[in-house]
Amino acid sequence: MGKIFCVMGKSATGKDTIYQKLLNESKLDLKRIIPYTTRPIREGEVLGREYFFCTERDVQKLEKEGRIVELRAYDTVYGIWKYFTVDDGNIQLDKENYILIGTLEAYTKIRDYFGVENVIPIYIEVEDGERLLRAIAREKSQDVPKYEEMCRRFLADAKDFSEEKLIAAGIEKRFVNIELADTLHQVETYMQTEM
C-alpha cells in the first residue's frame, strides 16, 4: 500500500524547496498531489504544476459533487483565497507513493479521509527570527512585493501551527531546517523507513 507524505510547516521554512527536491529524488519515486486554489497565479507558476487555479464557481461544483477532501479559506488583504485538495481520481494508493504540501489542518483532514496508516506528516521547522528574514528576502525578490500579505501569513502561522495544535494532530517527528542538505538527508531516510 502506498503512502501520502504531507510536507508542512510555517511560511519561509524551506518546505517548498524540500518538497521539490524530494519530488525529484528518483529513488523515492513520488507522485504529486496537486492542490487547488482560487488565489491568483503568481509569477513563475504554471497551471497544473503548483496548483490547479480555479474560480469560486469551480469550488461550488466540486463541493456539490462531494469531491473536496479538505478546504481552507483565508481572508487576505486581496480578498478570500481558498486552498483545497480534491479527490480527482489521480490518487491510487494501491500503486504509488505521493507527496504534497499542506497546512496542519489539511494534513489532519487528508489523514482522516485516506487513513492514519496511509498519511505520513513531514513537519519542517525554522526559528521564527530566521523565518522572518527569509520571508522578507523572498518577498523583496518579487516584481510586486506584498509585504502586508507576508505579515498576515507570518502571524497566522503562529496560531495555525501552535504547539497545542501540533500535539493534537499527533505531530511528533520534526525536521529543523538549518542546513538544507542535512535536512533533506534526514527526511529522505525517514520516508524510506515509512514506505
N, C-alpha and C. Protein backbone atom coordinates (compact mmCIF):
# COMPACT_ATOMS: atom_id res chain seq x y z
N MET A 1 0.84 -1.18 0.00
CA MET A 1 0.00 0.00 0.00
C MET A 1 0.88 1.24 0.00
N GLY A 2 0.54 2.20 -0.85
CA GLY A 2 1.30 3.44 -0.94
C GLY A 2 1.03 4.37 0.22
N LYS A 3 1.85 5.41 0.32
CA LYS A 3 1.73 6.42 1.36
C LYS A 3 1.57 7.80 0.74
N ILE A 4 0.96 8.68 1.51
CA ILE A 4 0.90 10.10 1.16
C ILE A 4 1.75 10.82 2.18
N PHE A 5 2.82 11.46 1.72
CA PHE A 5 3.69 12.24 2.59
C PHE A 5 3.26 13.70 2.50
N CYS A 6 2.88 14.25 3.64
CA CYS A 6 2.38 15.63 3.69
C CYS A 6 3.46 16.53 4.29
N VAL A 7 4.10 17.32 3.45
CA VAL A 7 5.13 18.26 3.88
C VAL A 7 4.43 19.52 4.37
N MET A 8 4.78 19.94 5.59
CA MET A 8 4.13 21.13 6.13
C MET A 8 5.07 21.87 7.07
N GLY A 9 4.69 23.10 7.33
CA GLY A 9 5.45 23.96 8.22
C GLY A 9 5.01 25.39 7.99
N LYS A 10 5.47 26.25 8.85
CA LYS A 10 5.15 27.67 8.72
C LYS A 10 5.77 28.22 7.44
N SER A 11 5.33 29.41 7.04
CA SER A 11 5.88 30.03 5.83
C SER A 11 7.37 30.30 6.02
N ALA A 12 8.13 30.22 4.94
CA ALA A 12 9.57 30.50 4.89
C ALA A 12 10.41 29.52 5.71
N THR A 13 9.95 28.28 5.82
CA THR A 13 10.75 27.24 6.47
C THR A 13 11.57 26.44 5.46
N GLY A 14 11.32 26.67 4.18
CA GLY A 14 12.01 25.92 3.14
C GLY A 14 11.23 24.71 2.67
N LYS A 15 9.96 24.62 3.08
CA LYS A 15 9.18 23.43 2.73
C LYS A 15 8.97 23.28 1.23
N ASP A 16 8.84 24.39 0.50
CA ASP A 16 8.68 24.29 -0.96
C ASP A 16 9.94 23.72 -1.61
N THR A 17 11.10 24.18 -1.16
CA THR A 17 12.36 23.68 -1.69
C THR A 17 12.53 22.21 -1.36
N ILE A 18 12.25 21.85 -0.11
CA ILE A 18 12.36 20.45 0.32
C ILE A 18 11.39 19.58 -0.48
N TYR A 19 10.17 20.05 -0.64
CA TYR A 19 9.16 19.32 -1.43
C TYR A 19 9.69 19.05 -2.84
N GLN A 20 10.21 20.08 -3.50
CA GLN A 20 10.70 19.93 -4.88
C GLN A 20 11.85 18.93 -4.96
N LYS A 21 12.76 19.01 -4.01
CA LYS A 21 13.92 18.11 -4.04
C LYS A 21 13.50 16.67 -3.77
N LEU A 22 12.55 16.47 -2.86
CA LEU A 22 12.05 15.12 -2.60
C LEU A 22 11.32 14.57 -3.83
N LEU A 23 10.53 15.41 -4.46
CA LEU A 23 9.78 15.00 -5.65
C LEU A 23 10.74 14.59 -6.77
N ASN A 24 11.87 15.27 -6.87
CA ASN A 24 12.83 14.98 -7.94
C ASN A 24 13.82 13.86 -7.59
N GLU A 25 13.73 13.32 -6.38
CA GLU A 25 14.63 12.23 -5.97
C GLU A 25 14.12 10.91 -6.54
N SER A 26 14.82 10.40 -7.54
CA SER A 26 14.33 9.22 -8.27
C SER A 26 14.18 7.99 -7.38
N LYS A 27 15.04 7.82 -6.38
CA LYS A 27 14.93 6.61 -5.55
C LYS A 27 13.65 6.61 -4.70
N LEU A 28 13.04 7.78 -4.47
CA LEU A 28 11.79 7.83 -3.73
C LEU A 28 10.58 7.56 -4.63
N ASP A 29 10.70 7.91 -5.91
CA ASP A 29 9.65 7.67 -6.91
C ASP A 29 8.27 8.14 -6.42
N LEU A 30 8.20 9.42 -6.07
CA LEU A 30 6.96 10.01 -5.55
C LEU A 30 6.15 10.66 -6.66
N LYS A 31 4.84 10.58 -6.54
CA LYS A 31 3.92 11.27 -7.43
C LYS A 31 3.35 12.48 -6.69
N ARG A 32 3.01 13.50 -7.41
CA ARG A 32 2.49 14.73 -6.81
C ARG A 32 0.98 14.69 -6.64
N ILE A 33 0.52 15.22 -5.52
CA ILE A 33 -0.89 15.56 -5.37
C ILE A 33 -0.94 17.07 -5.52
N ILE A 34 -1.55 17.51 -6.59
CA ILE A 34 -1.57 18.94 -6.88
C ILE A 34 -2.81 19.56 -6.25
N PRO A 35 -2.60 20.54 -5.36
CA PRO A 35 -3.74 21.19 -4.72
C PRO A 35 -4.44 22.16 -5.67
N TYR A 36 -5.61 22.59 -5.26
CA TYR A 36 -6.41 23.56 -6.00
C TYR A 36 -6.45 24.86 -5.20
N THR A 37 -6.60 25.98 -5.90
CA THR A 37 -6.72 27.27 -5.22
C THR A 37 -7.51 28.26 -6.06
N THR A 38 -8.13 29.20 -5.36
CA THR A 38 -8.82 30.30 -6.04
C THR A 38 -7.95 31.56 -6.07
N ARG A 39 -6.78 31.53 -5.46
CA ARG A 39 -5.94 32.73 -5.47
C ARG A 39 -5.35 32.94 -6.86
N PRO A 40 -4.97 34.19 -7.17
CA PRO A 40 -4.38 34.45 -8.49
C PRO A 40 -3.04 33.74 -8.66
N ILE A 41 -2.76 33.39 -9.89
CA ILE A 41 -1.49 32.76 -10.21
C ILE A 41 -0.35 33.77 -9.99
N ARG A 42 0.76 33.30 -9.43
CA ARG A 42 1.92 34.16 -9.19
C ARG A 42 2.92 34.01 -10.33
N GLU A 43 3.79 35.00 -10.44
CA GLU A 43 4.82 34.97 -11.46
C GLU A 43 5.65 33.69 -11.34
N GLY A 44 5.83 33.00 -12.46
CA GLY A 44 6.62 31.78 -12.49
C GLY A 44 5.82 30.51 -12.25
N GLU A 45 4.58 30.64 -11.79
CA GLU A 45 3.75 29.45 -11.57
C GLU A 45 3.09 29.03 -12.88
N VAL A 46 2.77 27.74 -12.96
CA VAL A 46 2.14 27.18 -14.15
C VAL A 46 0.89 26.41 -13.71
N LEU A 47 -0.21 26.62 -14.39
CA LEU A 47 -1.45 25.91 -14.10
C LEU A 47 -1.21 24.40 -14.16
N GLY A 48 -1.58 23.70 -13.08
CA GLY A 48 -1.41 22.25 -13.03
C GLY A 48 -0.05 21.80 -12.54
N ARG A 49 0.85 22.73 -12.28
CA ARG A 49 2.16 22.35 -11.73
C ARG A 49 2.18 22.61 -10.22
N GLU A 50 2.06 23.88 -9.81
CA GLU A 50 2.00 24.20 -8.38
C GLU A 50 0.58 23.99 -7.84
N TYR A 51 -0.39 24.46 -8.62
CA TYR A 51 -1.81 24.39 -8.24
C TYR A 51 -2.66 24.24 -9.48
N PHE A 52 -3.90 23.79 -9.26
CA PHE A 52 -4.95 23.96 -10.25
C PHE A 52 -5.66 25.25 -9.83
N PHE A 53 -5.53 26.28 -10.63
CA PHE A 53 -6.15 27.57 -10.33
C PHE A 53 -7.58 27.54 -10.84
N CYS A 54 -8.51 27.93 -9.99
CA CYS A 54 -9.91 27.83 -10.38
C CYS A 54 -10.73 28.98 -9.81
N THR A 55 -11.97 29.00 -10.19
CA THR A 55 -12.89 30.06 -9.77
C THR A 55 -13.77 29.58 -8.62
N GLU A 56 -14.49 30.49 -8.03
CA GLU A 56 -15.44 30.15 -6.97
C GLU A 56 -16.53 29.22 -7.53
N ARG A 57 -16.90 29.41 -8.76
CA ARG A 57 -17.89 28.55 -9.41
C ARG A 57 -17.39 27.10 -9.47
N ASP A 58 -16.08 26.92 -9.77
CA ASP A 58 -15.49 25.59 -9.79
C ASP A 58 -15.57 24.94 -8.41
N VAL A 59 -15.31 25.74 -7.36
CA VAL A 59 -15.36 25.24 -5.98
C VAL A 59 -16.76 24.73 -5.67
N GLN A 60 -17.75 25.52 -6.00
CA GLN A 60 -19.15 25.13 -5.73
C GLN A 60 -19.52 23.84 -6.44
N LYS A 61 -19.06 23.70 -7.68
CA LYS A 61 -19.34 22.48 -8.45
C LYS A 61 -18.69 21.26 -7.79
N LEU A 62 -17.42 21.38 -7.40
CA LEU A 62 -16.72 20.27 -6.75
C LEU A 62 -17.34 19.93 -5.40
N GLU A 63 -17.80 20.94 -4.66
CA GLU A 63 -18.48 20.69 -3.37
C GLU A 63 -19.77 19.91 -3.58
N LYS A 64 -20.54 20.31 -4.58
CA LYS A 64 -21.80 19.61 -4.88
C LYS A 64 -21.55 18.16 -5.25
N GLU A 65 -20.43 17.90 -5.93
CA GLU A 65 -20.08 16.55 -6.35
C GLU A 65 -19.48 15.73 -5.20
N GLY A 66 -19.21 16.37 -4.04
CA GLY A 66 -18.63 15.68 -2.90
C GLY A 66 -17.19 15.26 -3.10
N ARG A 67 -16.45 16.02 -3.92
CA ARG A 67 -15.09 15.64 -4.26
C ARG A 67 -14.01 16.40 -3.49
N ILE A 68 -14.39 17.36 -2.66
CA ILE A 68 -13.41 18.12 -1.90
C ILE A 68 -13.07 17.37 -0.61
N VAL A 69 -11.79 17.00 -0.47
CA VAL A 69 -11.31 16.27 0.70
C VAL A 69 -11.15 17.22 1.88
N GLU A 70 -10.59 18.38 1.62
CA GLU A 70 -10.39 19.41 2.64
C GLU A 70 -10.32 20.75 1.94
N LEU A 71 -10.73 21.80 2.66
CA LEU A 71 -10.74 23.15 2.09
C LEU A 71 -10.45 24.15 3.20
N ARG A 72 -9.56 25.10 2.90
CA ARG A 72 -9.24 26.19 3.82
C ARG A 72 -9.49 27.50 3.11
N ALA A 73 -10.11 28.46 3.78
CA ALA A 73 -10.36 29.79 3.21
C ALA A 73 -9.64 30.82 4.05
N TYR A 74 -8.92 31.72 3.39
CA TYR A 74 -8.16 32.76 4.08
C TYR A 74 -8.67 34.12 3.65
N ASP A 75 -8.94 34.97 4.63
CA ASP A 75 -9.36 36.34 4.36
C ASP A 75 -8.11 37.20 4.24
N THR A 76 -7.59 37.31 3.02
CA THR A 76 -6.35 38.04 2.78
C THR A 76 -6.65 39.50 2.50
N VAL A 77 -5.60 40.30 2.40
CA VAL A 77 -5.79 41.71 2.06
C VAL A 77 -6.28 41.86 0.62
N TYR A 78 -6.28 40.77 -0.15
CA TYR A 78 -6.74 40.79 -1.53
C TYR A 78 -8.08 40.10 -1.71
N GLY A 79 -8.71 39.71 -0.61
CA GLY A 79 -9.99 39.00 -0.67
C GLY A 79 -9.84 37.58 -0.18
N ILE A 80 -10.92 36.80 -0.27
CA ILE A 80 -10.91 35.41 0.20
C ILE A 80 -10.18 34.53 -0.81
N TRP A 81 -9.17 33.83 -0.32
CA TRP A 81 -8.45 32.85 -1.14
C TRP A 81 -8.71 31.48 -0.54
N LYS A 82 -9.07 30.52 -1.38
CA LYS A 82 -9.32 29.16 -0.94
C LYS A 82 -8.24 28.23 -1.48
N TYR A 83 -7.83 27.30 -0.62
CA TYR A 83 -6.88 26.25 -0.97
C TYR A 83 -7.54 24.94 -0.59
N PHE A 84 -7.44 23.94 -1.46
CA PHE A 84 -8.14 22.70 -1.16
C PHE A 84 -7.57 21.51 -1.93
N THR A 85 -7.91 20.33 -1.41
CA THR A 85 -7.50 19.07 -2.02
C THR A 85 -8.76 18.39 -2.55
N VAL A 86 -8.64 17.85 -3.76
CA VAL A 86 -9.78 17.23 -4.42
C VAL A 86 -9.49 15.76 -4.68
N ASP A 87 -10.47 14.92 -4.41
CA ASP A 87 -10.38 13.51 -4.79
C ASP A 87 -10.77 13.46 -6.27
N ASP A 88 -9.75 13.70 -7.12
CA ASP A 88 -9.99 13.84 -8.55
C ASP A 88 -9.65 12.58 -9.35
N GLY A 89 -9.49 11.46 -8.65
CA GLY A 89 -9.21 10.19 -9.33
C GLY A 89 -7.74 9.94 -9.60
N ASN A 90 -6.88 10.89 -9.24
CA ASN A 90 -5.45 10.74 -9.53
C ASN A 90 -4.67 10.09 -8.39
N ILE A 91 -5.30 9.84 -7.25
CA ILE A 91 -4.61 9.24 -6.10
C ILE A 91 -4.94 7.76 -6.05
N GLN A 92 -3.93 6.93 -6.34
CA GLN A 92 -4.12 5.48 -6.36
C GLN A 92 -3.11 4.84 -5.40
N LEU A 93 -3.50 4.77 -4.13
CA LEU A 93 -2.60 4.26 -3.10
C LEU A 93 -2.24 2.79 -3.27
N ASP A 94 -2.99 2.07 -4.05
CA ASP A 94 -2.65 0.68 -4.30
C ASP A 94 -1.46 0.55 -5.25
N LYS A 95 -1.05 1.66 -5.88
CA LYS A 95 0.02 1.61 -6.88
C LYS A 95 1.20 2.53 -6.61
N GLU A 96 0.98 3.67 -5.94
CA GLU A 96 2.00 4.72 -5.87
C GLU A 96 2.15 5.30 -4.47
N ASN A 97 3.29 6.00 -4.26
CA ASN A 97 3.50 6.87 -3.10
C ASN A 97 3.38 8.30 -3.59
N TYR A 98 2.82 9.17 -2.74
CA TYR A 98 2.53 10.55 -3.12
C TYR A 98 3.13 11.54 -2.15
N ILE A 99 3.25 12.77 -2.63
CA ILE A 99 3.73 13.86 -1.79
C ILE A 99 2.92 15.11 -2.09
N LEU A 100 2.68 15.89 -1.05
CA LEU A 100 2.00 17.18 -1.22
C LEU A 100 2.48 18.13 -0.13
N ILE A 101 2.22 19.40 -0.34
CA ILE A 101 2.47 20.43 0.67
C ILE A 101 1.12 20.83 1.23
N GLY A 102 1.03 20.95 2.55
CA GLY A 102 -0.24 21.34 3.14
C GLY A 102 -0.08 22.02 4.48
N THR A 103 -1.18 22.44 5.01
CA THR A 103 -1.22 23.02 6.35
C THR A 103 -1.49 21.89 7.35
N LEU A 104 -1.42 22.21 8.61
CA LEU A 104 -1.73 21.23 9.64
C LEU A 104 -3.19 20.79 9.53
N GLU A 105 -4.07 21.75 9.28
CA GLU A 105 -5.49 21.44 9.12
C GLU A 105 -5.71 20.53 7.91
N ALA A 106 -5.02 20.84 6.80
CA ALA A 106 -5.14 19.99 5.61
C ALA A 106 -4.64 18.58 5.90
N TYR A 107 -3.51 18.48 6.58
CA TYR A 107 -2.96 17.18 6.92
C TYR A 107 -3.97 16.33 7.70
N THR A 108 -4.58 16.90 8.73
CA THR A 108 -5.50 16.11 9.56
C THR A 108 -6.72 15.65 8.77
N LYS A 109 -7.22 16.50 7.88
CA LYS A 109 -8.39 16.10 7.08
C LYS A 109 -8.03 15.05 6.03
N ILE A 110 -6.85 15.20 5.42
CA ILE A 110 -6.39 14.21 4.45
C ILE A 110 -6.12 12.88 5.15
N ARG A 111 -5.51 12.94 6.33
CA ARG A 111 -5.25 11.74 7.14
C ARG A 111 -6.56 11.04 7.50
N ASP A 112 -7.55 11.83 7.90
CA ASP A 112 -8.84 11.25 8.26
C ASP A 112 -9.55 10.64 7.04
N TYR A 113 -9.37 11.25 5.88
CA TYR A 113 -10.01 10.79 4.66
C TYR A 113 -9.36 9.51 4.12
N PHE A 114 -8.01 9.50 4.07
CA PHE A 114 -7.29 8.37 3.46
C PHE A 114 -6.80 7.34 4.49
N GLY A 115 -6.85 7.67 5.79
CA GLY A 115 -6.44 6.75 6.84
C GLY A 115 -5.10 7.10 7.45
N VAL A 116 -5.04 7.04 8.76
CA VAL A 116 -3.82 7.42 9.50
C VAL A 116 -2.62 6.57 9.09
N GLU A 117 -2.85 5.32 8.71
CA GLU A 117 -1.75 4.45 8.31
C GLU A 117 -1.19 4.81 6.92
N ASN A 118 -1.93 5.61 6.16
CA ASN A 118 -1.52 5.95 4.79
C ASN A 118 -0.98 7.35 4.63
N VAL A 119 -1.13 8.21 5.63
CA VAL A 119 -0.73 9.61 5.50
C VAL A 119 0.33 9.92 6.56
N ILE A 120 1.53 10.29 6.09
CA ILE A 120 2.69 10.50 6.96
C ILE A 120 3.07 11.98 6.97
N PRO A 121 3.10 12.61 8.16
CA PRO A 121 3.48 14.03 8.22
C PRO A 121 5.00 14.22 8.14
N ILE A 122 5.40 15.24 7.40
CA ILE A 122 6.80 15.68 7.34
C ILE A 122 6.77 17.16 7.77
N TYR A 123 7.04 17.40 9.05
CA TYR A 123 6.92 18.76 9.60
C TYR A 123 8.29 19.44 9.63
N ILE A 124 8.39 20.58 8.95
CA ILE A 124 9.63 21.34 8.83
C ILE A 124 9.57 22.56 9.75
N GLU A 125 10.65 22.77 10.52
CA GLU A 125 10.71 23.91 11.44
C GLU A 125 11.93 24.79 11.17
N VAL A 126 11.77 26.08 11.45
CA VAL A 126 12.87 27.05 11.44
C VAL A 126 12.55 28.06 12.53
N GLU A 127 13.56 28.52 13.23
CA GLU A 127 13.39 29.53 14.28
C GLU A 127 12.72 30.77 13.68
N ASP A 128 11.78 31.38 14.43
CA ASP A 128 10.96 32.46 13.90
C ASP A 128 11.74 33.66 13.37
N GLY A 129 12.80 34.07 14.03
CA GLY A 129 13.60 35.21 13.55
C GLY A 129 14.20 34.92 12.18
N GLU A 130 14.77 33.75 12.03
CA GLU A 130 15.34 33.33 10.75
C GLU A 130 14.26 33.23 9.68
N ARG A 131 13.11 32.71 10.08
CA ARG A 131 11.99 32.57 9.15
C ARG A 131 11.54 33.93 8.63
N LEU A 132 11.48 34.92 9.51
CA LEU A 132 11.06 36.27 9.11
C LEU A 132 12.07 36.88 8.13
N LEU A 133 13.35 36.70 8.39
CA LEU A 133 14.38 37.20 7.47
C LEU A 133 14.25 36.54 6.09
N ARG A 134 14.01 35.23 6.08
CA ARG A 134 13.83 34.52 4.80
C ARG A 134 12.59 35.02 4.06
N ALA A 135 11.51 35.26 4.80
CA ALA A 135 10.26 35.72 4.18
C ALA A 135 10.44 37.10 3.55
N ILE A 136 11.13 37.99 4.24
CA ILE A 136 11.37 39.34 3.71
C ILE A 136 12.23 39.26 2.46
N ALA A 137 13.29 38.47 2.50
CA ALA A 137 14.16 38.33 1.32
C ALA A 137 13.39 37.78 0.12
N ARG A 138 12.53 36.80 0.37
CA ARG A 138 11.74 36.22 -0.72
C ARG A 138 10.78 37.25 -1.30
N GLU A 139 10.13 37.99 -0.43
CA GLU A 139 9.15 38.98 -0.91
C GLU A 139 9.84 40.10 -1.66
N LYS A 140 11.01 40.50 -1.20
CA LYS A 140 11.78 41.57 -1.85
C LYS A 140 12.13 41.20 -3.28
N SER A 141 12.29 39.92 -3.55
CA SER A 141 12.69 39.47 -4.88
C SER A 141 11.54 39.46 -5.88
N GLN A 142 10.30 39.63 -5.42
CA GLN A 142 9.14 39.64 -6.30
C GLN A 142 9.06 40.97 -7.06
N ASP A 143 8.50 40.96 -8.26
CA ASP A 143 8.30 42.20 -9.02
C ASP A 143 7.41 43.16 -8.26
N VAL A 144 6.39 42.64 -7.62
CA VAL A 144 5.47 43.45 -6.82
C VAL A 144 5.40 42.81 -5.43
N PRO A 145 6.28 43.21 -4.51
CA PRO A 145 6.26 42.63 -3.17
C PRO A 145 4.93 42.89 -2.47
N LYS A 146 4.47 41.89 -1.73
CA LYS A 146 3.20 42.00 -1.00
C LYS A 146 3.51 41.81 0.49
N TYR A 147 4.10 42.84 1.09
CA TYR A 147 4.54 42.74 2.47
C TYR A 147 3.39 42.58 3.45
N GLU A 148 2.26 43.21 3.18
CA GLU A 148 1.11 43.07 4.09
C GLU A 148 0.67 41.61 4.15
N GLU A 149 0.59 40.96 3.01
CA GLU A 149 0.18 39.56 2.97
C GLU A 149 1.23 38.68 3.65
N MET A 150 2.51 39.01 3.45
CA MET A 150 3.58 38.27 4.10
C MET A 150 3.43 38.34 5.63
N CYS A 151 3.15 39.54 6.13
CA CYS A 151 2.97 39.73 7.58
C CYS A 151 1.74 38.98 8.08
N ARG A 152 0.65 39.02 7.33
CA ARG A 152 -0.56 38.31 7.72
C ARG A 152 -0.27 36.82 7.85
N ARG A 153 0.44 36.27 6.86
CA ARG A 153 0.76 34.84 6.87
C ARG A 153 1.67 34.49 8.05
N PHE A 154 2.65 35.34 8.31
CA PHE A 154 3.58 35.08 9.41
C PHE A 154 2.84 35.00 10.74
N LEU A 155 1.93 35.95 10.98
CA LEU A 155 1.17 35.96 12.22
C LEU A 155 0.16 34.80 12.28
N ALA A 156 -0.47 34.52 11.16
CA ALA A 156 -1.44 33.41 11.12
C ALA A 156 -0.76 32.08 11.40
N ASP A 157 0.48 31.92 10.94
CA ASP A 157 1.22 30.66 11.16
C ASP A 157 1.41 30.37 12.65
N ALA A 158 1.59 31.43 13.45
CA ALA A 158 1.78 31.22 14.89
C ALA A 158 0.56 30.52 15.50
N LYS A 159 -0.62 30.85 15.02
CA LYS A 159 -1.84 30.21 15.50
C LYS A 159 -2.06 28.86 14.83
N ASP A 160 -1.89 28.82 13.50
CA ASP A 160 -2.17 27.60 12.73
C ASP A 160 -1.26 26.44 13.12
N PHE A 161 -0.01 26.75 13.50
CA PHE A 161 0.95 25.72 13.87
C PHE A 161 1.37 25.85 15.34
N SER A 162 0.42 26.22 16.18
CA SER A 162 0.72 26.34 17.61
C SER A 162 1.12 24.97 18.17
N GLU A 163 1.86 25.00 19.25
CA GLU A 163 2.30 23.75 19.88
C GLU A 163 1.11 22.87 20.25
N GLU A 164 0.04 23.49 20.73
CA GLU A 164 -1.16 22.73 21.10
C GLU A 164 -1.76 22.01 19.90
N LYS A 165 -1.82 22.70 18.77
CA LYS A 165 -2.38 22.10 17.56
C LYS A 165 -1.48 20.99 17.01
N LEU A 166 -0.16 21.18 17.10
CA LEU A 166 0.77 20.14 16.64
C LEU A 166 0.60 18.88 17.48
N ILE A 167 0.47 19.05 18.79
CA ILE A 167 0.29 17.90 19.68
C ILE A 167 -1.05 17.22 19.38
N ALA A 168 -2.11 18.02 19.24
CA ALA A 168 -3.44 17.46 18.96
C ALA A 168 -3.46 16.67 17.65
N ALA A 169 -2.66 17.10 16.66
CA ALA A 169 -2.60 16.41 15.37
C ALA A 169 -1.68 15.20 15.40
N GLY A 170 -0.99 15.00 16.50
CA GLY A 170 -0.10 13.84 16.62
C GLY A 170 1.24 14.02 15.94
N ILE A 171 1.65 15.28 15.73
CA ILE A 171 2.95 15.54 15.10
C ILE A 171 4.05 15.36 16.14
N GLU A 172 4.80 14.29 16.00
CA GLU A 172 5.88 14.01 16.94
C GLU A 172 7.24 14.22 16.30
N LYS A 173 7.40 13.76 15.07
CA LYS A 173 8.68 13.87 14.36
C LYS A 173 8.75 15.24 13.70
N ARG A 174 9.89 15.94 13.93
CA ARG A 174 10.09 17.27 13.34
C ARG A 174 11.48 17.35 12.74
N PHE A 175 11.57 18.12 11.66
CA PHE A 175 12.84 18.30 10.97
C PHE A 175 13.19 19.78 10.99
N VAL A 176 14.30 20.13 11.67
CA VAL A 176 14.73 21.52 11.78
C VAL A 176 15.60 21.83 10.56
N ASN A 177 15.18 22.80 9.76
CA ASN A 177 15.86 23.11 8.50
C ASN A 177 16.86 24.25 8.68
N ILE A 178 18.03 23.91 9.19
CA ILE A 178 19.12 24.89 9.28
C ILE A 178 19.99 24.76 8.04
N GLU A 179 20.46 23.55 7.79
CA GLU A 179 21.24 23.25 6.58
C GLU A 179 20.40 22.36 5.69
N LEU A 180 20.08 22.84 4.51
CA LEU A 180 19.17 22.13 3.61
C LEU A 180 19.62 20.71 3.32
N ALA A 181 20.89 20.49 3.02
CA ALA A 181 21.38 19.15 2.67
C ALA A 181 21.17 18.17 3.83
N ASP A 182 21.46 18.62 5.04
CA ASP A 182 21.26 17.75 6.22
C ASP A 182 19.79 17.42 6.41
N THR A 183 18.95 18.44 6.28
CA THR A 183 17.51 18.24 6.46
C THR A 183 16.98 17.26 5.42
N LEU A 184 17.38 17.44 4.18
CA LEU A 184 16.94 16.54 3.12
C LEU A 184 17.34 15.09 3.40
N HIS A 185 18.57 14.90 3.84
CA HIS A 185 19.04 13.55 4.14
C HIS A 185 18.18 12.92 5.24
N GLN A 186 17.91 13.68 6.29
CA GLN A 186 17.09 13.17 7.40
C GLN A 186 15.68 12.81 6.92
N VAL A 187 15.09 13.70 6.11
CA VAL A 187 13.73 13.46 5.63
C VAL A 187 13.68 12.24 4.71
N GLU A 188 14.63 12.15 3.79
CA GLU A 188 14.66 11.00 2.86
C GLU A 188 14.80 9.68 3.61
N THR A 189 15.70 9.64 4.59
CA THR A 189 15.89 8.42 5.37
C THR A 189 14.61 8.04 6.10
N TYR A 190 13.95 9.01 6.69
CA TYR A 190 12.70 8.77 7.39
C TYR A 190 11.61 8.25 6.43
N MET A 191 11.49 8.88 5.27
CA MET A 191 10.48 8.46 4.30
C MET A 191 10.70 7.02 3.85
N GLN A 192 11.95 6.66 3.62
CA GLN A 192 12.24 5.30 3.17
C GLN A 192 11.86 4.27 4.22
N THR A 193 12.00 4.62 5.50
CA THR A 193 11.59 3.68 6.55
C THR A 193 10.08 3.56 6.64
N GLU A 194 9.35 4.60 6.20
CA GLU A 194 7.89 4.60 6.26
C GLU A 194 7.24 3.94 5.05
N MET A 195 7.99 3.78 3.97
CA MET A 195 7.43 3.21 2.74
C MET A 195 7.26 1.70 2.85
